[in-house]
PDB file of N, CA and C in Angstrom:
ATOM      1  N   MET A   1     -39.059  74.820 -71.721  1.00  0.00           N
ATOM      2  CA  MET A   1     -37.912  75.705 -71.735  1.00  0.00           C
ATOM      3  C   MET A   1     -36.676  74.938 -71.262  1.00  0.00           C
ATOM      4  N   ASN A   2     -35.568  75.133 -71.942  1.00  0.00           N
ATOM      5  CA  ASN A   2     -34.339  74.429 -71.603  1.00  0.00           C
ATOM      6  C   ASN A   2     -33.746  74.944 -70.301  1.00  0.00           C
ATOM      7  N   LYS A   3     -33.012  74.055 -69.641  1.00  0.00           N
ATOM      8  CA  LYS A   3     -32.279  74.471 -68.449  1.00  0.00           C
ATOM      9  C   LYS A   3     -31.107  75.333 -68.882  1.00  0.00           C
ATOM     10  N   SER A   4     -30.854  76.409 -68.177  1.00  0.00           N
ATOM     11  CA  SER A   4     -29.702  77.236 -68.514  1.00  0.00           C
ATOM     12  C   SER A   4     -28.466  76.671 -67.817  1.00  0.00           C
ATOM     13  N   LYS A   5     -27.383  76.613 -68.547  1.00  0.00           N
ATOM     14  CA  LYS A   5     -26.165  75.989 -68.039  1.00  0.00           C
ATOM     15  C   LYS A   5     -25.209  77.048 -67.502  1.00  0.00           C
ATOM     16  N   THR A   6     -24.397  76.625 -66.569  1.00  0.00           N
ATOM     17  CA  THR A   6     -23.362  77.489 -66.027  1.00  0.00           C
ATOM     18  C   THR A   6     -22.237  77.615 -67.039  1.00  0.00           C
ATOM     19  N   ARG A   7     -21.707  78.822 -67.185  1.00  0.00           N
ATOM     20  CA  ARG A   7     -20.561  79.036 -68.068  1.00  0.00           C
ATOM     21  C   ARG A   7     -19.316  78.521 -67.372  1.00  0.00           C
ATOM     22  N   LYS A   8     -18.693  77.519 -67.964  1.00  0.00           N
ATOM     23  CA  LYS A   8     -17.529  76.897 -67.335  1.00  0.00           C
ATOM     24  C   LYS A   8     -16.337  77.844 -67.288  1.00  0.00           C
ATOM     25  N   SER A   9     -16.240  78.743 -68.246  1.00  0.00           N
ATOM     26  CA  SER A   9     -15.139  79.706 -68.226  1.00  0.00           C
ATOM     27  C   SER A   9     -15.259  80.640 -67.027  1.00  0.00           C
ATOM     28  N   ALA A  10     -16.487  80.990 -66.648  1.00  0.00           N
ATOM     29  CA  ALA A  10     -16.696  81.865 -65.501  1.00  0.00           C
ATOM     30  C   ALA A  10     -16.371  81.145 -64.196  1.00  0.00           C
ATOM     31  N   VAL A  11     -16.671  79.859 -64.137  1.00  0.00           N
ATOM     32  CA  VAL A  11     -16.381  79.085 -62.929  1.00  0.00           C
ATOM     33  C   VAL A  11     -14.879  79.024 -62.688  1.00  0.00           C
ATOM     34  N   LYS A  12     -14.102  78.951 -63.780  1.00  0.00           N
ATOM     35  CA  LYS A  12     -12.651  78.888 -63.649  1.00  0.00           C
ATOM     36  C   LYS A  12     -12.057  80.227 -63.225  1.00  0.00           C
ATOM     37  N   ARG A  13     -12.705  81.328 -63.580  1.00  0.00           N
ATOM     38  CA  ARG A  13     -12.127  82.654 -63.326  1.00  0.00           C
ATOM     39  C   ARG A  13     -12.624  83.316 -62.055  1.00  0.00           C
ATOM     40  N   TYR A  14     -13.832  83.006 -61.628  1.00  0.00           N
ATOM     41  CA  TYR A  14     -14.440  83.671 -60.478  1.00  0.00           C
ATOM     42  C   TYR A  14     -14.817  82.654 -59.418  1.00  0.00           C
ATOM     43  N   LYS A  15     -14.763  83.084 -58.152  1.00  0.00           N
ATOM     44  CA  LYS A  15     -15.249  82.261 -57.042  1.00  0.00           C
ATOM     45  C   LYS A  15     -16.307  83.080 -56.307  1.00  0.00           C
ATOM     46  N   GLN A  16     -17.358  82.395 -55.873  1.00  0.00           N
ATOM     47  CA  GLN A  16     -18.440  83.084 -55.169  1.00  0.00           C
ATOM     48  C   GLN A  16     -18.204  82.968 -53.667  1.00  0.00           C
ATOM     49  N   THR A  17     -18.329  84.091 -52.963  1.00  0.00           N
ATOM     50  CA  THR A  17     -18.143  84.100 -51.520  1.00  0.00           C
ATOM     51  C   THR A  17     -19.469  83.777 -50.837  1.00  0.00           C
ATOM     52  N   ALA A  18     -19.430  83.685 -49.519  1.00  0.00           N
ATOM     53  CA  ALA A  18     -20.621  83.311 -48.750  1.00  0.00           C
ATOM     54  C   ALA A  18     -21.714  84.378 -48.835  1.00  0.00           C
ATOM     55  N   ASN A  19     -21.316  85.641 -48.924  1.00  0.00           N
ATOM     56  CA  ASN A  19     -22.324  86.704 -48.982  1.00  0.00           C
ATOM     57  C   ASN A  19     -22.596  87.161 -50.416  1.00  0.00           C
ATOM     58  N   LYS A  20     -22.509  86.205 -51.359  1.00  0.00           N
ATOM     59  CA  LYS A  20     -22.912  86.394 -52.762  1.00  0.00           C
ATOM     60  C   LYS A  20     -22.079  87.406 -53.534  1.00  0.00           C
ATOM     61  N   ASN A  21     -20.860  87.672 -53.081  1.00  0.00           N
ATOM     62  CA  ASN A  21     -19.937  88.475 -53.873  1.00  0.00           C
ATOM     63  C   ASN A  21     -19.065  87.533 -54.694  1.00  0.00           C
ATOM     64  N   PHE A  22     -18.334  88.092 -55.644  1.00  0.00           N
ATOM     65  CA  PHE A  22     -17.429  87.296 -56.458  1.00  0.00           C
ATOM     66  C   PHE A  22     -16.025  87.846 -56.306  1.00  0.00           C
ATOM     67  N   ILE A  23     -15.040  86.940 -56.269  1.00  0.00           N
ATOM     68  CA  ILE A  23     -13.649  87.363 -56.216  1.00  0.00           C
ATOM     69  C   ILE A  23     -12.950  86.851 -57.468  1.00  0.00           C
ATOM     70  N   ARG A  24     -11.920  87.572 -57.868  1.00  0.00           N
ATOM     71  CA  ARG A  24     -11.165  87.211 -59.062  1.00  0.00           C
ATOM     72  C   ARG A  24      -9.713  87.590 -58.864  1.00  0.00           C
ATOM     73  N   LYS A  25      -8.853  87.011 -59.700  1.00  0.00           N
ATOM     74  CA  LYS A  25      -7.443  87.372 -59.681  1.00  0.00           C
ATOM     75  C   LYS A  25      -7.220  88.584 -60.570  1.00  0.00           C
ATOM     76  N   LYS A  26      -6.138  89.275 -60.336  1.00  0.00           N
ATOM     77  CA  LYS A  26      -5.794  90.427 -61.166  1.00  0.00           C
ATOM     78  C   LYS A  26      -5.117  89.980 -62.455  1.00  0.00           C
ATOM     79  N   ALA A  27      -5.208  90.810 -63.448  1.00  0.00           N
ATOM     80  CA  ALA A  27      -4.621  90.511 -64.754  1.00  0.00           C
ATOM     81  C   ALA A  27      -3.155  90.946 -64.795  1.00  0.00           C
ATOM     82  N   PHE A  28      -2.495  90.669 -65.913  1.00  0.00           N
ATOM     83  CA  PHE A  28      -1.115  91.098 -66.209  1.00  0.00           C
ATOM     84  C   PHE A  28      -0.070  90.384 -65.371  1.00  0.00           C
ATOM     85  N   LYS A  29      -0.306  89.155 -64.970  1.00  0.00           N
ATOM     86  CA  LYS A  29       0.678  88.385 -64.208  1.00  0.00           C
ATOM     87  C   LYS A  29       1.101  87.140 -64.983  1.00  0.00           C
ATOM     88  N   GLY A  30       0.670  86.996 -66.226  1.00  0.00           N
ATOM     89  CA  GLY A  30       0.932  85.782 -66.980  1.00  0.00           C
ATOM     90  C   GLY A  30       2.303  85.704 -67.611  1.00  0.00           C
ATOM     91  N   HIS A  31       2.790  86.787 -68.176  1.00  0.00           N
ATOM     92  CA  HIS A  31       4.088  86.770 -68.861  1.00  0.00           C
ATOM     93  C   HIS A  31       4.644  88.182 -68.888  1.00  0.00           C
ATOM     94  N   LEU A  32       5.825  88.333 -69.467  1.00  0.00           N
ATOM     95  CA  LEU A  32       6.562  89.618 -69.501  1.00  0.00           C
ATOM     96  C   LEU A  32       6.790  90.161 -68.092  1.00  0.00           C
ATOM     97  N   LEU A  33       7.251  89.288 -67.192  1.00  0.00           N
ATOM     98  CA  LEU A  33       7.395  89.670 -65.794  1.00  0.00           C
ATOM     99  C   LEU A  33       8.761  90.264 -65.474  1.00  0.00           C
ATOM    100  N   GLN A  34       9.708  90.156 -66.394  1.00  0.00           N
ATOM    101  CA  GLN A  34      11.065  90.610 -66.106  1.00  0.00           C
ATOM    102  C   GLN A  34      11.125  92.130 -65.934  1.00  0.00           C
ATOM    103  N   LYS A  35      10.336  92.852 -66.710  1.00  0.00           N
ATOM    104  CA  LYS A  35      10.407  94.311 -66.629  1.00  0.00           C
ATOM    105  C   LYS A  35       9.489  94.904 -65.562  1.00  0.00           C
ATOM    106  N   LYS A  36       8.681  94.085 -64.902  1.00  0.00           N
ATOM    107  CA  LYS A  36       7.801  94.569 -63.838  1.00  0.00           C
ATOM    108  C   LYS A  36       8.526  94.487 -62.504  1.00  0.00           C
ATOM    109  N   SER A  37       8.279  95.467 -61.658  1.00  0.00           N
ATOM    110  CA  SER A  37       8.971  95.506 -60.374  1.00  0.00           C
ATOM    111  C   SER A  37       8.406  94.447 -59.432  1.00  0.00           C
ATOM    112  N   SER A  38       9.172  94.129 -58.394  1.00  0.00           N
ATOM    113  CA  SER A  38       8.744  93.107 -57.436  1.00  0.00           C
ATOM    114  C   SER A  38       7.477  93.516 -56.720  1.00  0.00           C
ATOM    115  N   SER A  39       7.392  94.794 -56.360  1.00  0.00           N
ATOM    116  CA  SER A  39       6.208  95.262 -55.644  1.00  0.00           C
ATOM    117  C   SER A  39       4.971  95.198 -56.527  1.00  0.00           C
ATOM    118  N   ARG A  40       5.150  95.496 -57.805  1.00  0.00           N
ATOM    119  CA  ARG A  40       4.022  95.417 -58.744  1.00  0.00           C
ATOM    120  C   ARG A  40       3.555  93.966 -58.906  1.00  0.00           C
ATOM    121  N   LYS A  41       4.521  93.046 -59.028  1.00  0.00           N
ATOM    122  CA  LYS A  41       4.178  91.630 -59.168  1.00  0.00           C
ATOM    123  C   LYS A  41       3.503  91.108 -57.913  1.00  0.00           C
ATOM    124  N   ARG A  42       3.931  91.591 -56.757  1.00  0.00           N
ATOM    125  CA  ARG A  42       3.323  91.184 -55.491  1.00  0.00           C
ATOM    126  C   ARG A  42       1.879  91.672 -55.401  1.00  0.00           C
ATOM    127  N   ARG A  43       1.638  92.897 -55.853  1.00  0.00           N
ATOM    128  CA  ARG A  43       0.260  93.441 -55.864  1.00  0.00           C
ATOM    129  C   ARG A  43      -0.631  92.652 -56.802  1.00  0.00           C
ATOM    130  N   LEU A  44      -0.078  92.222 -57.935  1.00  0.00           N
ATOM    131  CA  LEU A  44      -0.866  91.488 -58.920  1.00  0.00           C
ATOM    132  C   LEU A  44      -1.228  90.079 -58.460  1.00  0.00           C
ATOM    133  N   CYS A  45      -0.560  89.567 -57.439  1.00  0.00           N
ATOM    134  CA  CYS A  45      -0.863  88.227 -56.923  1.00  0.00           C
ATOM    135  C   CYS A  45      -2.155  88.193 -56.120  1.00  0.00           C
ATOM    136  N   SER A  46      -2.565  89.324 -55.585  1.00  0.00           N
ATOM    137  CA  SER A  46      -3.713  89.340 -54.688  1.00  0.00           C
ATOM    138  C   SER A  46      -5.027  89.187 -55.447  1.00  0.00           C
ATOM    139  N   THR A  47      -6.073  88.843 -54.720  1.00  0.00           N
ATOM    140  CA  THR A  47      -7.410  88.744 -55.308  1.00  0.00           C
ATOM    141  C   THR A  47      -8.218  89.961 -54.890  1.00  0.00           C
ATOM    142  N   ILE A  48      -9.189  90.317 -55.727  1.00  0.00           N
ATOM    143  CA  ILE A  48     -10.054  91.455 -55.424  1.00  0.00           C
ATOM    144  C   ILE A  48     -11.500  91.052 -55.672  1.00  0.00           C
ATOM    145  N   THR A  49     -12.412  91.815 -55.091  1.00  0.00           N
ATOM    146  CA  THR A  49     -13.829  91.544 -55.325  1.00  0.00           C
ATOM    147  C   THR A  49     -14.257  92.216 -56.622  1.00  0.00           C
ATOM    148  N   VAL A  50     -15.209  91.612 -57.274  1.00  0.00           N
ATOM    149  CA  VAL A  50     -15.709  92.123 -58.546  1.00  0.00           C
ATOM    150  C   VAL A  50     -16.549  93.363 -58.280  1.00  0.00           C
ATOM    151  N   GLY A  51     -16.401  94.379 -59.131  1.00  0.00           N
ATOM    152  CA  GLY A  51     -17.152  95.617 -58.976  1.00  0.00           C
ATOM    153  C   GLY A  51     -18.624  95.444 -59.306  1.00  0.00           C
ATOM    154  N   ASN A  52     -19.413  96.446 -58.959  1.00  0.00           N
ATOM    155  CA  ASN A  52     -20.865  96.363 -59.135  1.00  0.00           C
ATOM    156  C   ASN A  52     -21.278  96.270 -60.597  1.00  0.00           C
ATOM    157  N   THR A  53     -20.557  96.908 -61.501  1.00  0.00           N
ATOM    158  CA  THR A  53     -20.940  96.877 -62.913  1.00  0.00           C
ATOM    159  C   THR A  53     -20.724  95.497 -63.517  1.00  0.00           C
ATOM    160  N   GLU A  54     -19.668  94.833 -63.096  1.00  0.00           N
ATOM    161  CA  GLU A  54     -19.356  93.502 -63.629  1.00  0.00           C
ATOM    162  C   GLU A  54     -20.109  92.404 -62.882  1.00  0.00           C
ATOM    163  N   LYS A  55     -20.568  92.707 -61.685  1.00  0.00           N
ATOM    164  CA  LYS A  55     -21.198  91.717 -60.818  1.00  0.00           C
ATOM    165  C   LYS A  55     -22.468  91.126 -61.444  1.00  0.00           C
ATOM    166  N   LEU A  56     -23.274  91.946 -62.087  1.00  0.00           N
ATOM    167  CA  LEU A  56     -24.514  91.474 -62.704  1.00  0.00           C
ATOM    168  C   LEU A  56     -24.219  90.488 -63.833  1.00  0.00           C
ATOM    169  N   THR A  57     -23.185  90.773 -64.613  1.00  0.00           N
ATOM    170  CA  THR A  57     -22.810  89.895 -65.716  1.00  0.00           C
ATOM    171  C   THR A  57     -22.318  88.555 -65.202  1.00  0.00           C
ATOM    172  N   VAL A  58     -21.483  88.576 -64.193  1.00  0.00           N
ATOM    173  CA  VAL A  58     -20.937  87.343 -63.643  1.00  0.00           C
ATOM    174  C   VAL A  58     -22.044  86.514 -62.993  1.00  0.00           C
ATOM    175  N   LYS A  59     -22.991  87.175 -62.386  1.00  0.00           N
ATOM    176  CA  LYS A  59     -24.103  86.485 -61.739  1.00  0.00           C
ATOM    177  C   LYS A  59     -24.918  85.688 -62.765  1.00  0.00           C
ATOM    178  N   LYS A  60     -25.094  86.223 -63.953  1.00  0.00           N
ATOM    179  CA  LYS A  60     -25.815  85.509 -65.016  1.00  0.00           C
ATOM    180  C   LYS A  60     -25.066  84.263 -65.446  1.00  0.00           C
ATOM    181  N   PHE A  61     -23.747  84.347 -65.476  1.00  0.00           N
ATOM    182  CA  PHE A  61     -22.936  83.199 -65.877  1.00  0.00           C
ATOM    183  C   PHE A  61     -23.044  82.056 -64.881  1.00  0.00           C
ATOM    184  N   PHE A  62     -23.168  82.381 -63.581  1.00  0.00           N
ATOM    185  CA  PHE A  62     -23.172  81.362 -62.552  1.00  0.00           C
ATOM    186  C   PHE A  62     -24.529  80.683 -62.415  1.00  0.00           C
ATOM    187  N   ASN A  63     -25.579  81.331 -62.787  1.00  0.00           N
ATOM    188  CA  ASN A  63     -26.902  80.692 -62.847  1.00  0.00           C
ATOM    189  C   ASN A  63     -27.351  80.156 -61.489  1.00  0.00           C
ATOM    190  N   ASN A  64     -27.207  80.955 -60.428  1.00  0.00           N
ATOM    191  CA  ASN A  64     -27.643  80.522 -59.093  1.00  0.00           C
ATOM    192  C   ASN A  64     -28.982  81.092 -58.748  1.00  0.00           C
TER     193      ASN A  64
END
C-alpha cells in the first residue's frame, strides 16, 4: 500500500495547534477592501479555530 501524502494546499492554509485543533485565517480580505469598513477589515485579520464539521476533513489532509 502506498504512503499517503500530506496535501500541500492544506498545510499552507491551516496550522495545527498543540491540542490537535486547527486554526485558519478568515476569508474576504484579499481584494475589494475600499468599500469595507475599518472595523470589518480588522475583524477579518484575526484567526479562528476550525469548526467540528470541517475538522475531520482537514485532519485527513494533514495525515497525522
